Amino acid sequence: MTTSARKKLKTACIDARTTPEALALMKHAAHLQGQSVSDFIASSGVSAASKVIAETEIITLSREASLQPTACRPPYQSTRTNGCPEKGC
């Protein structure tokens, strides 16, 4: 993908305020990743958003599954008598 094609895909804008310390931290991390600060923040935000959505969907599906009626199982039948492994204890 050419640089001009990549720029055309990135048309949305985010304006964020942060502390100087947080900006310095993000600049350092972006540099370590070989990314611009904008690319670093955008990719980190997308990654965090995807994780939150996936975790929320898992929780929602788990709750929905727990509300579904389950087949009744017969009561547990122990082969032991009064906790004794041998009959007649």
C-alpha atoms as a PDB file:
ATOM      1  CA  MET A   1       0.000   0.000   0.000  1.00  0.00           C
ATOM      2  CA  THR A   2       1.438   3.365  -0.953  1.00  0.00           C
ATOM      3  CA  THR A   3       1.768   6.238   1.490  1.00  0.00           C
ATOM      4  CA  SER A   4      -0.932   8.229  -0.308  1.00  0.00           C
ATOM      5  CA  ALA A   5      -3.330   5.251  -0.200  1.00  0.00           C
ATOM      6  CA  ARG A   6      -2.652   4.787   3.531  1.00  0.00           C
ATOM      7  CA  LYS A   7      -3.363   8.479   4.224  1.00  0.00           C
ATOM      8  CA  LYS A   8      -6.713   8.230   2.429  1.00  0.00           C
ATOM      9  CA  LEU A   9      -7.824   5.437   4.741  1.00  0.00           C
ATOM     10  CA  LYS A  10      -7.084   7.506   7.858  1.00  0.00           C
ATOM     11  CA  THR A  11      -9.724  10.200   7.659  1.00  0.00           C
ATOM     12  CA  ALA A  12     -11.128  10.189  11.218  1.00  0.00           C
ATOM     13  CA  CYS A  13      -9.560  12.402  13.858  1.00  0.00           C
ATOM     14  CA  ILE A  14      -9.221  12.042  17.624  1.00  0.00           C
ATOM     15  CA  ASP A  15      -8.380  14.987  19.869  1.00  0.00           C
ATOM     16  CA  ALA A  16      -7.179  13.979  23.321  1.00  0.00           C
ATOM     17  CA  ARG A  17      -5.803  15.833  26.305  1.00  0.00           C
ATOM     18  CA  THR A  18      -3.312  14.206  28.627  1.00  0.00           C
ATOM     19  CA  THR A  19      -0.607  15.052  31.120  1.00  0.00           C
ATOM     20  CA  PRO A  20       2.908  15.907  29.956  1.00  0.00           C
ATOM     21  CA  GLU A  21       4.142  12.765  31.736  1.00  0.00           C
ATOM     22  CA  ALA A  22       1.668  10.520  29.916  1.00  0.00           C
ATOM     23  CA  LEU A  23       2.593  12.095  26.570  1.00  0.00           C
ATOM     24  CA  ALA A  24       6.297  11.559  27.278  1.00  0.00           C
ATOM     25  CA  LEU A  25       5.588   7.917  28.134  1.00  0.00           C
ATOM     26  CA  MET A  26       3.602   7.390  24.921  1.00  0.00           C
ATOM     27  CA  LYS A  27       6.284   9.138  22.839  1.00  0.00           C
ATOM     28  CA  HIS A  28       8.928   6.864  24.330  1.00  0.00           C
ATOM     29  CA  ALA A  29       6.855   3.732  23.729  1.00  0.00           C
ATOM     30  CA  ALA A  30       6.064   4.833  20.155  1.00  0.00           C
ATOM     31  CA  HIS A  31       9.765   5.399  19.505  1.00  0.00           C
ATOM     32  CA  LEU A  32      10.607   1.927  20.854  1.00  0.00           C
ATOM     33  CA  GLN A  33       7.976   0.436  18.521  1.00  0.00           C
ATOM     34  CA  GLY A  34       9.214   2.448  15.555  1.00  0.00           C
ATOM     35  CA  GLN A  35       5.851   4.196  15.230  1.00  0.00           C
ATOM     36  CA  SER A  36       4.633   7.746  15.232  1.00  0.00           C
ATOM     37  CA  VAL A  37       2.837   8.831  18.387  1.00  0.00           C
ATOM     38  CA  SER A  38      -0.430   9.017  16.428  1.00  0.00           C
ATOM     39  CA  ASP A  39      -0.022   5.486  15.056  1.00  0.00           C
ATOM     40  CA  PHE A  40       0.982   4.177  18.473  1.00  0.00           C
ATOM     41  CA  ILE A  41      -2.021   5.747  20.200  1.00  0.00           C
ATOM     42  CA  ALA A  42      -4.429   4.630  17.465  1.00  0.00           C
ATOM     43  CA  SER A  43      -3.178   1.025  17.425  1.00  0.00           C
ATOM     44  CA  SER A  44      -3.106   0.840  21.239  1.00  0.00           C
ATOM     45  CA  GLY A  45      -6.633   2.241  21.413  1.00  0.00           C
ATOM     46  CA  VAL A  46      -7.941  -0.231  18.836  1.00  0.00           C
ATOM     47  CA  SER A  47      -6.227  -3.101  20.656  1.00  0.00           C
ATOM     48  CA  ALA A  48      -7.663  -2.057  24.030  1.00  0.00           C
ATOM     49  CA  ALA A  49     -11.135  -1.535  22.538  1.00  0.00           C
ATOM     50  CA  SER A  50     -11.088  -4.968  20.886  1.00  0.00           C
ATOM     51  CA  LYS A  51     -10.086  -6.602  24.167  1.00  0.00           C
ATOM     52  CA  VAL A  52     -12.866  -4.850  26.131  1.00  0.00           C
ATOM     53  CA  ILE A  53     -15.474  -5.802  23.526  1.00  0.00           C
ATOM     54  CA  ALA A  54     -14.337  -9.440  23.409  1.00  0.00           C
ATOM     55  CA  GLU A  55     -14.327  -9.749  27.215  1.00  0.00           C
ATOM     56  CA  THR A  56     -17.765  -8.150  27.458  1.00  0.00           C
ATOM     57  CA  GLU A  57     -19.172 -10.478  24.806  1.00  0.00           C
ATOM     58  CA  ILE A  58     -17.763 -13.507  26.639  1.00  0.00           C
ATOM     59  CA  ILE A  59     -19.356 -12.352  29.901  1.00  0.00           C
ATOM     60  CA  THR A  60     -22.665 -11.687  28.140  1.00  0.00           C
ATOM     61  CA  LEU A  61     -22.653 -15.092  26.454  1.00  0.00           C
ATOM     62  CA  SER A  62     -21.777 -16.772  29.753  1.00  0.00           C
ATOM     63  CA  ARG A  63     -24.678 -15.048  31.489  1.00  0.00           C
ATOM     64  CA  GLU A  64     -27.061 -15.982  28.683  1.00  0.00           C
ATOM     65  CA  ALA A  65     -25.884 -19.584  28.809  1.00  0.00           C
ATOM     66  CA  SER A  66     -26.362 -19.737  32.570  1.00  0.00           C
ATOM     67  CA  LEU A  67     -29.970 -18.587  32.149  1.00  0.00           C
ATOM     68  CA  GLN A  68     -30.760 -21.389  29.705  1.00  0.00           C
ATOM     69  CA  PRO A  69     -32.577 -24.335  31.272  1.00  0.00           C
ATOM     70  CA  THR A  70     -30.453 -27.446  31.560  1.00  0.00           C
ATOM     71  CA  ALA A  71     -31.535 -31.047  31.453  1.00  0.00           C
ATOM     72  CA  CYS A  72     -32.155 -32.442  34.912  1.00  0.00           C
ATOM     73  CA  ARG A  73     -29.742 -35.087  36.045  1.00  0.00           C
ATOM     74  CA  PRO A  74     -30.754 -37.929  38.319  1.00  0.00           C
ATOM     75  CA  PRO A  75     -29.597 -37.492  41.914  1.00  0.00           C
ATOM     76  CA  TYR A  76     -26.155 -38.810  42.728  1.00  0.00           C
ATOM     77  CA  GLN A  77     -26.317 -42.428  43.819  1.00  0.00           C
ATOM     78  CA  SER A  78     -23.493 -43.419  46.079  1.00  0.00           C
ATOM     79  CA  THR A  79     -22.283 -47.000  46.090  1.00  0.00           C
ATOM     80  CA  ARG A  80     -20.938 -46.405  49.570  1.00  0.00           C
ATOM     81  CA  THR A  81     -22.873 -46.908  52.751  1.00  0.00           C
ATOM     82  CA  ASN A  82     -22.364 -44.191  55.341  1.00  0.00           C
ATOM     83  CA  GLY A  83     -19.085 -43.239  53.729  1.00  0.00           C
ATOM     84  CA  CYS A  84     -17.647 -46.731  54.121  1.00  0.00           C
ATOM     85  CA  PRO A  85     -16.054 -48.101  50.943  1.00  0.00           C
ATOM     86  CA  GLU A  86     -17.112 -51.661  51.774  1.00  0.00           C
ATOM     87  CA  LYS A  87     -20.700 -52.774  52.177  1.00  0.00           C
ATOM     88  CA  GLY A  88     -21.605 -53.848  55.638  1.00  0.00           C
ATOM     89  CA  CYS A  89     -19.122 -51.655  57.528  1.00  0.00           C
END
